[in-house]
Amino acid sequence: MKITMIALTFAACAVTSLAHAATPVAVGGHRSAVAQAAETQWFQGIASAAPKTRAQVRQELVQAEKDGQLTNLNHSLYSGGA
């Protein structure tokens, strides 16, 4: 039992360190091309997620009701426990 826990802890630490090593960092005060590309993609994602107005949300809701998307969602996702 203890050996399994130690092995799992070691594996978790190894995966975490690999994920940390995969993140782009500045070397010698200069950012790499990978770091610059990742930053550009991050900020473009933020800019595209602008908040919607109440009227826009209502318009999307009406469109989803007309398309039948809400009915499909209610039947597939919220079908109940019966």
PDB file of N, CA and C in Angstrom:
ATOM      1  N   MET A   1       0.818  -1.184   0.000  1.00  0.00           N
ATOM      2  CA  MET A   1       0.000   0.000   0.000  1.00  0.00           C
ATOM      3  C   MET A   1       0.866   1.253   0.000  1.00  0.00           C
ATOM      4  N   LYS A   2       1.906   1.269   0.850  1.00  0.00           N
ATOM      5  CA  LYS A   2       2.778   2.440   0.917  1.00  0.00           C
ATOM      6  C   LYS A   2       3.555   2.613  -0.382  1.00  0.00           C
ATOM      7  N   ILE A   3       3.936   1.520  -0.984  1.00  0.00           N
ATOM      8  CA  ILE A   3       4.695   1.592  -2.236  1.00  0.00           C
ATOM      9  C   ILE A   3       3.829   2.201  -3.336  1.00  0.00           C
ATOM     10  N   THR A   4       2.552   1.851  -3.371  1.00  0.00           N
ATOM     11  CA  THR A   4       1.636   2.408  -4.363  1.00  0.00           C
ATOM     12  C   THR A   4       1.472   3.907  -4.167  1.00  0.00           C
ATOM     13  N   MET A   5       1.320   4.340  -2.922  1.00  0.00           N
ATOM     14  CA  MET A   5       1.164   5.764  -2.634  1.00  0.00           C
ATOM     15  C   MET A   5       2.434   6.530  -3.010  1.00  0.00           C
ATOM     16  N   ILE A   6       3.581   5.974  -2.721  1.00  0.00           N
ATOM     17  CA  ILE A   6       4.841   6.625  -3.068  1.00  0.00           C
ATOM     18  C   ILE A   6       4.980   6.708  -4.584  1.00  0.00           C
ATOM     19  N   ALA A   7       4.625   5.648  -5.283  1.00  0.00           N
ATOM     20  CA  ALA A   7       4.724   5.643  -6.745  1.00  0.00           C
ATOM     21  C   ALA A   7       3.770   6.664  -7.355  1.00  0.00           C
ATOM     22  N   LEU A   8       2.553   6.755  -6.839  1.00  0.00           N
ATOM     23  CA  LEU A   8       1.600   7.735  -7.347  1.00  0.00           C
ATOM     24  C   LEU A   8       2.069   9.167  -7.079  1.00  0.00           C
ATOM     25  N   THR A   9       2.634   9.394  -5.904  1.00  0.00           N
ATOM     26  CA  THR A   9       3.158  10.723  -5.580  1.00  0.00           C
ATOM     27  C   THR A   9       4.305  11.088  -6.499  1.00  0.00           C
ATOM     28  N   PHE A  10       5.191  10.149  -6.743  1.00  0.00           N
ATOM     29  CA  PHE A  10       6.316  10.394  -7.640  1.00  0.00           C
ATOM     30  C   PHE A  10       5.824  10.678  -9.062  1.00  0.00           C
ATOM     31  N   ALA A  11       4.845   9.928  -9.530  1.00  0.00           N
ATOM     32  CA  ALA A  11       4.309  10.140 -10.875  1.00  0.00           C
ATOM     33  C   ALA A  11       3.639  11.514 -10.987  1.00  0.00           C
ATOM     34  N   ALA A  12       2.904  11.912  -9.960  1.00  0.00           N
ATOM     35  CA  ALA A  12       2.253  13.217  -9.976  1.00  0.00           C
ATOM     36  C   ALA A  12       3.288  14.338 -10.005  1.00  0.00           C
ATOM     37  N   CYS A  13       4.351  14.194  -9.236  1.00  0.00           N
ATOM     38  CA  CYS A  13       5.422  15.202  -9.241  1.00  0.00           C
ATOM     39  C   CYS A  13       6.106  15.259 -10.601  1.00  0.00           C
ATOM     40  N   ALA A  14       6.319  14.120 -11.220  1.00  0.00           N
ATOM     41  CA  ALA A  14       6.971  14.088 -12.533  1.00  0.00           C
ATOM     42  C   ALA A  14       6.102  14.764 -13.590  1.00  0.00           C
ATOM     43  N   VAL A  15       4.812  14.486 -13.583  1.00  0.00           N
ATOM     44  CA  VAL A  15       3.905  15.097 -14.550  1.00  0.00           C
ATOM     45  C   VAL A  15       3.836  16.608 -14.342  1.00  0.00           C
ATOM     46  N   THR A  16       3.768  17.024 -13.091  1.00  0.00           N
ATOM     47  CA  THR A  16       3.713  18.450 -12.782  1.00  0.00           C
ATOM     48  C   THR A  16       4.973  19.162 -13.232  1.00  0.00           C
ATOM     49  N   SER A  17       6.126  18.553 -12.996  1.00  0.00           N
ATOM     50  CA  SER A  17       7.375  19.195 -13.397  1.00  0.00           C
ATOM     51  C   SER A  17       7.503  19.250 -14.916  1.00  0.00           C
ATOM     52  N   LEU A  18       6.993  18.243 -15.614  1.00  0.00           N
ATOM     53  CA  LEU A  18       7.029  18.279 -17.077  1.00  0.00           C
ATOM     54  C   LEU A  18       6.113  19.369 -17.620  1.00  0.00           C
ATOM     55  N   ALA A  19       4.950  19.520 -17.023  1.00  0.00           N
ATOM     56  CA  ALA A  19       4.030  20.562 -17.463  1.00  0.00           C
ATOM     57  C   ALA A  19       4.612  21.941 -17.195  1.00  0.00           C
ATOM     58  N   HIS A  20       5.291  22.094 -16.073  1.00  0.00           N
ATOM     59  CA  HIS A  20       5.910  23.377 -15.756  1.00  0.00           C
ATOM     60  C   HIS A  20       7.056  23.674 -16.715  1.00  0.00           C
ATOM     61  N   ALA A  21       7.808  22.649 -17.087  1.00  0.00           N
ATOM     62  CA  ALA A  21       8.928  22.840 -18.001  1.00  0.00           C
ATOM     63  C   ALA A  21       8.461  23.162 -19.412  1.00  0.00           C
ATOM     64  N   ALA A  22       7.222  22.807 -19.756  1.00  0.00           N
ATOM     65  CA  ALA A  22       6.725  23.040 -21.103  1.00  0.00           C
ATOM     66  C   ALA A  22       6.236  24.466 -21.311  1.00  0.00           C
ATOM     67  N   THR A  23       6.080  25.239 -20.220  1.00  0.00           N
ATOM     68  CA  THR A  23       5.617  26.612 -20.380  1.00  0.00           C
ATOM     69  C   THR A  23       6.758  27.494 -20.862  1.00  0.00           C
ATOM     70  N   PRO A  24       6.490  28.376 -21.838  1.00  0.00           N
ATOM     71  CA  PRO A  24       7.549  29.237 -22.358  1.00  0.00           C
ATOM     72  C   PRO A  24       7.942  30.298 -21.339  1.00  0.00           C
ATOM     73  N   VAL A  25       9.245  30.454 -21.153  1.00  0.00           N
ATOM     74  CA  VAL A  25       9.754  31.455 -20.220  1.00  0.00           C
ATOM     75  C   VAL A  25      10.780  32.319 -20.910  1.00  0.00           C
ATOM     76  N   ALA A  26      11.041  33.479 -20.322  1.00  0.00           N
ATOM     77  CA  ALA A  26      12.039  34.387 -20.868  1.00  0.00           C
ATOM     78  C   ALA A  26      13.428  33.866 -20.534  1.00  0.00           C
ATOM     79  N   VAL A  27      14.325  33.883 -21.510  1.00  0.00           N
ATOM     80  CA  VAL A  27      15.696  33.442 -21.314  1.00  0.00           C
ATOM     81  C   VAL A  27      16.597  34.641 -21.553  1.00  0.00           C
ATOM     82  N   GLY A  28      17.335  35.021 -20.544  1.00  0.00           N
ATOM     83  CA  GLY A  28      18.252  36.146 -20.688  1.00  0.00           C
ATOM     84  C   GLY A  28      17.528  37.466 -20.910  1.00  0.00           C
ATOM     85  N   GLY A  29      16.312  37.594 -20.407  1.00  0.00           N
ATOM     86  CA  GLY A  29      15.562  38.827 -20.560  1.00  0.00           C
ATOM     87  C   GLY A  29      14.814  38.944 -21.872  1.00  0.00           C
ATOM     88  N   HIS A  30      14.946  37.971 -22.754  1.00  0.00           N
ATOM     89  CA  HIS A  30      14.261  37.998 -24.051  1.00  0.00           C
ATOM     90  C   HIS A  30      13.237  36.873 -24.089  1.00  0.00           C
ATOM     91  N   ARG A  31      12.059  37.201 -24.567  1.00  0.00           N
ATOM     92  CA  ARG A  31      11.028  36.182 -24.688  1.00  0.00           C
ATOM     93  C   ARG A  31      11.226  35.410 -25.982  1.00  0.00           C
ATOM     94  N   SER A  32      10.948  34.125 -25.911  1.00  0.00           N
ATOM     95  CA  SER A  32      11.067  33.292 -27.093  1.00  0.00           C
ATOM     96  C   SER A  32       9.892  33.524 -28.029  1.00  0.00           C
ATOM     97  N   ALA A  33      10.008  33.033 -29.247  1.00  0.00           N
ATOM     98  CA  ALA A  33       8.922  33.159 -30.222  1.00  0.00           C
ATOM     99  C   ALA A  33       7.697  32.393 -29.753  1.00  0.00           C
ATOM    100  N   VAL A  34       7.907  31.279 -29.067  1.00  0.00           N
ATOM    101  CA  VAL A  34       6.792  30.491 -28.546  1.00  0.00           C
ATOM    102  C   VAL A  34       6.048  31.283 -27.477  1.00  0.00           C
ATOM    103  N   ALA A  35       6.796  31.960 -26.606  1.00  0.00           N
ATOM    104  CA  ALA A  35       6.166  32.759 -25.556  1.00  0.00           C
ATOM    105  C   ALA A  35       5.380  33.914 -26.156  1.00  0.00           C
ATOM    106  N   GLN A  36       5.923  34.551 -27.183  1.00  0.00           N
ATOM    107  CA  GLN A  36       5.225  35.657 -27.821  1.00  0.00           C
ATOM    108  C   GLN A  36       3.955  35.178 -28.518  1.00  0.00           C
ATOM    109  N   ALA A  37       4.032  34.030 -29.178  1.00  0.00           N
ATOM    110  CA  ALA A  37       2.855  33.491 -29.866  1.00  0.00           C
ATOM    111  C   ALA A  37       1.780  33.103 -28.856  1.00  0.00           C
ATOM    112  N   ALA A  38       2.179  32.497 -27.753  1.00  0.00           N
ATOM    113  CA  ALA A  38       1.217  32.104 -26.727  1.00  0.00           C
ATOM    114  C   ALA A  38       0.544  33.335 -26.128  1.00  0.00           C
ATOM    115  N   GLU A  39       1.316  34.389 -25.896  1.00  0.00           N
ATOM    116  CA  GLU A  39       0.742  35.615 -25.336  1.00  0.00           C
ATOM    117  C   GLU A  39      -0.226  36.258 -26.319  1.00  0.00           C
ATOM    118  N   THR A  40       0.122  36.252 -27.595  1.00  0.00           N
ATOM    119  CA  THR A  40      -0.749  36.833 -28.615  1.00  0.00           C
ATOM    120  C   THR A  40      -2.063  36.070 -28.667  1.00  0.00           C
ATOM    121  N   GLN A  41      -2.015  34.746 -28.643  1.00  0.00           N
ATOM    122  CA  GLN A  41      -3.236  33.950 -28.681  1.00  0.00           C
ATOM    123  C   GLN A  41      -4.078  34.193 -27.441  1.00  0.00           C
ATOM    124  N   TRP A  42      -3.447  34.351 -26.286  1.00  0.00           N
ATOM    125  CA  TRP A  42      -4.180  34.571 -25.048  1.00  0.00           C
ATOM    126  C   TRP A  42      -4.946  35.884 -25.112  1.00  0.00           C
ATOM    127  N   PHE A  43      -4.283  36.945 -25.544  1.00  0.00           N
ATOM    128  CA  PHE A  43      -4.944  38.240 -25.564  1.00  0.00           C
ATOM    129  C   PHE A  43      -5.987  38.335 -26.668  1.00  0.00           C
ATOM    130  N   GLN A  44      -5.805  37.611 -27.767  1.00  0.00           N
ATOM    131  CA  GLN A  44      -6.835  37.593 -28.794  1.00  0.00           C
ATOM    132  C   GLN A  44      -8.082  36.889 -28.274  1.00  0.00           C
ATOM    133  N   GLY A  45      -7.896  35.848 -27.480  1.00  0.00           N
ATOM    134  CA  GLY A  45      -9.028  35.135 -26.896  1.00  0.00           C
ATOM    135  C   GLY A  45      -9.797  36.020 -25.934  1.00  0.00           C
ATOM    136  N   ILE A  46      -9.095  36.848 -25.185  1.00  0.00           N
ATOM    137  CA  ILE A  46      -9.752  37.751 -24.247  1.00  0.00           C
ATOM    138  C   ILE A  46     -10.538  38.811 -25.007  1.00  0.00           C
ATOM    139  N   ALA A  47      -9.956  39.345 -26.075  1.00  0.00           N
ATOM    140  CA  ALA A  47     -10.623  40.394 -26.844  1.00  0.00           C
ATOM    141  C   ALA A  47     -11.887  39.870 -27.518  1.00  0.00           C
ATOM    142  N   SER A  48     -11.874  38.617 -27.944  1.00  0.00           N
ATOM    143  CA  SER A  48     -13.035  38.073 -28.637  1.00  0.00           C
ATOM    144  C   SER A  48     -14.164  37.712 -27.670  1.00  0.00           C
ATOM    145  N   ALA A  49     -13.874  37.656 -26.389  1.00  0.00           N
ATOM    146  CA  ALA A  49     -14.884  37.300 -25.397  1.00  0.00           C
ATOM    147  C   ALA A  49     -15.462  38.558 -24.750  1.00  0.00           C
ATOM    148  N   ALA A  50     -15.808  39.530 -25.577  1.00  0.00           N
ATOM    149  CA  ALA A  50     -16.369  40.776 -25.062  1.00  0.00           C
ATOM    150  C   ALA A  50     -17.746  40.507 -24.467  1.00  0.00           C
ATOM    151  N   PRO A  51     -18.097  41.220 -23.423  1.00  0.00           N
ATOM    152  CA  PRO A  51     -19.415  41.002 -22.818  1.00  0.00           C
ATOM    153  C   PRO A  51     -20.537  41.383 -23.777  1.00  0.00           C
ATOM    154  N   LYS A  52     -21.628  40.635 -23.679  1.00  0.00           N
ATOM    155  CA  LYS A  52     -22.774  40.881 -24.549  1.00  0.00           C
ATOM    156  C   LYS A  52     -23.776  41.763 -23.820  1.00  0.00           C
ATOM    157  N   THR A  53     -24.526  42.480 -24.602  1.00  0.00           N
ATOM    158  CA  THR A  53     -25.589  43.282 -24.010  1.00  0.00           C
ATOM    159  C   THR A  53     -26.788  42.391 -23.716  1.00  0.00           C
ATOM    160  N   ARG A  54     -27.689  42.897 -22.918  1.00  0.00           N
ATOM    161  CA  ARG A  54     -28.891  42.146 -22.574  1.00  0.00           C
ATOM    162  C   ARG A  54     -29.732  41.868 -23.819  1.00  0.00           C
ATOM    163  N   ALA A  55     -29.768  42.839 -24.718  1.00  0.00           N
ATOM    164  CA  ALA A  55     -30.542  42.674 -25.953  1.00  0.00           C
ATOM    165  C   ALA A  55     -29.945  41.574 -26.833  1.00  0.00           C
ATOM    166  N   GLN A  56     -28.612  41.492 -26.880  1.00  0.00           N
ATOM    167  CA  GLN A  56     -27.970  40.442 -27.676  1.00  0.00           C
ATOM    168  C   GLN A  56     -28.279  39.062 -27.112  1.00  0.00           C
ATOM    169  N   VAL A  57     -28.248  38.937 -25.811  1.00  0.00           N
ATOM    170  CA  VAL A  57     -28.532  37.644 -25.182  1.00  0.00           C
ATOM    171  C   VAL A  57     -29.984  37.243 -25.432  1.00  0.00           C
ATOM    172  N   ARG A  58     -30.895  38.193 -25.308  1.00  0.00           N
ATOM    173  CA  ARG A  58     -32.305  37.888 -25.573  1.00  0.00           C
ATOM    174  C   ARG A  58     -32.524  37.477 -27.025  1.00  0.00           C
ATOM    175  N   GLN A  59     -31.820  38.156 -27.950  1.00  0.00           N
ATOM    176  CA  GLN A  59     -31.947  37.823 -29.367  1.00  0.00           C
ATOM    177  C   GLN A  59     -31.435  36.401 -29.629  1.00  0.00           C
ATOM    178  N   GLU A  60     -30.334  36.029 -28.991  1.00  0.00           N
ATOM    179  CA  GLU A  60     -29.804  34.668 -29.144  1.00  0.00           C
ATOM    180  C   GLU A  60     -30.776  33.644 -28.556  1.00  0.00           C
ATOM    181  N   LEU A  61     -31.417  33.978 -27.462  1.00  0.00           N
ATOM    182  CA  LEU A  61     -32.388  33.079 -26.848  1.00  0.00           C
ATOM    183  C   LEU A  61     -33.586  32.860 -27.759  1.00  0.00           C
ATOM    184  N   VAL A  62     -34.098  33.925 -28.346  1.00  0.00           N
ATOM    185  CA  VAL A  62     -35.232  33.810 -29.266  1.00  0.00           C
ATOM    186  C   VAL A  62     -34.844  32.971 -30.479  1.00  0.00           C
ATOM    187  N   GLN A  63     -33.628  33.191 -30.994  1.00  0.00           N
ATOM    188  CA  GLN A  63     -33.153  32.427 -32.153  1.00  0.00           C
ATOM    189  C   GLN A  63     -33.018  30.947 -31.803  1.00  0.00           C
ATOM    190  N   ALA A  64     -32.508  30.647 -30.609  1.00  0.00           N
ATOM    191  CA  ALA A  64     -32.367  29.249 -30.183  1.00  0.00           C
ATOM    192  C   ALA A  64     -33.727  28.584 -30.016  1.00  0.00           C
ATOM    193  N   GLU A  65     -34.721  29.331 -29.560  1.00  0.00           N
ATOM    194  CA  GLU A  65     -36.065  28.767 -29.438  1.00  0.00           C
ATOM    195  C   GLU A  65     -36.655  28.472 -30.811  1.00  0.00           C
ATOM    196  N   LYS A  66     -36.421  29.360 -31.761  1.00  0.00           N
ATOM    197  CA  LYS A  66     -36.946  29.160 -33.124  1.00  0.00           C
ATOM    198  C   LYS A  66     -36.253  27.992 -33.815  1.00  0.00           C
ATOM    199  N   ASP A  67     -34.954  27.838 -33.600  1.00  0.00           N
ATOM    200  CA  ASP A  67     -34.196  26.761 -34.237  1.00  0.00           C
ATOM    201  C   ASP A  67     -34.494  25.394 -33.644  1.00  0.00           C
ATOM    202  N   GLY A  68     -35.061  25.384 -32.445  1.00  0.00           N
ATOM    203  CA  GLY A  68     -35.309  24.113 -31.772  1.00  0.00           C
ATOM    204  C   GLY A  68     -34.131  23.653 -30.937  1.00  0.00           C
ATOM    205  N   GLN A  69     -33.132  24.505 -30.785  1.00  0.00           N
ATOM    206  CA  GLN A  69     -31.958  24.127 -30.005  1.00  0.00           C
ATOM    207  C   GLN A  69     -32.295  23.957 -28.532  1.00  0.00           C
ATOM    208  N   LEU A  70     -33.139  24.820 -28.005  1.00  0.00           N
ATOM    209  CA  LEU A  70     -33.511  24.709 -26.595  1.00  0.00           C
ATOM    210  C   LEU A  70     -34.325  23.452 -26.329  1.00  0.00           C
ATOM    211  N   THR A  71     -35.229  23.119 -27.232  1.00  0.00           N
ATOM    212  CA  THR A  71     -36.029  21.902 -27.072  1.00  0.00           C
ATOM    213  C   THR A  71     -35.124  20.677 -27.094  1.00  0.00           C
ATOM    214  N   ASN A  72     -34.192  20.661 -28.027  1.00  0.00           N
ATOM    215  CA  ASN A  72     -33.247  19.544 -28.118  1.00  0.00           C
ATOM    216  C   ASN A  72     -32.396  19.449 -26.861  1.00  0.00           C
ATOM    217  N   LEU A  73     -31.932  20.581 -26.360  1.00  0.00           N
ATOM    218  CA  LEU A  73     -31.119  20.597 -25.146  1.00  0.00           C
ATOM    219  C   LEU A  73     -31.918  20.104 -23.953  1.00  0.00           C
ATOM    220  N   ASN A  74     -33.145  20.566 -23.831  1.00  0.00           N
ATOM    221  CA  ASN A  74     -33.975  20.153 -22.706  1.00  0.00           C
ATOM    222  C   ASN A  74     -34.272  18.653 -22.739  1.00  0.00           C
ATOM    223  N   HIS A  75     -34.475  18.102 -23.923  1.00  0.00           N
ATOM    224  CA  HIS A  75     -34.772  16.670 -24.016  1.00  0.00           C
ATOM    225  C   HIS A  75     -33.530  15.815 -23.824  1.00  0.00           C
ATOM    226  N   SER A  76     -32.388  16.269 -24.304  1.00  0.00           N
ATOM    227  CA  SER A  76     -31.187  15.438 -24.202  1.00  0.00           C
ATOM    228  C   SER A  76     -30.457  15.607 -22.883  1.00  0.00           C
ATOM    229  N   LEU A  77     -30.383  16.817 -22.372  1.00  0.00           N
ATOM    230  CA  LEU A  77     -29.600  17.066 -21.166  1.00  0.00           C
ATOM    231  C   LEU A  77     -30.436  16.984 -19.903  1.00  0.00           C
ATOM    232  N   TYR A  78     -31.623  17.513 -19.955  1.00  0.00           N
ATOM    233  CA  TYR A  78     -32.477  17.580 -18.767  1.00  0.00           C
ATOM    234  C   TYR A  78     -33.665  16.631 -18.891  1.00  0.00           C
ATOM    235  N   SER A  79     -33.405  15.429 -19.274  1.00  0.00           N
ATOM    236  CA  SER A  79     -34.494  14.483 -19.489  1.00  0.00           C
ATOM    237  C   SER A  79     -35.106  13.970 -18.197  1.00  0.00           C
ATOM    238  N   GLY A  80     -34.439  14.151 -17.090  1.00  0.00           N
ATOM    239  CA  GLY A  80     -34.991  13.713 -15.794  1.00  0.00           C
ATOM    240  C   GLY A  80     -34.538  12.309 -15.446  1.00  0.00           C
ATOM    241  N   GLY A  81     -34.891  11.863 -14.279  1.00  0.00           N
ATOM    242  CA  GLY A  81     -34.449  10.569 -13.804  1.00  0.00           C
ATOM    243  C   GLY A  81     -35.426   9.448 -14.064  1.00  0.00           C
ATOM    244  N   ALA A  82     -36.487   9.696 -14.772  1.00  0.00           N
ATOM    245  CA  ALA A  82     -37.517   8.679 -14.968  1.00  0.00           C
ATOM    246  C   ALA A  82     -37.180   7.721 -16.038  1.00  0.00           C
TER     247      ALA A  82
END
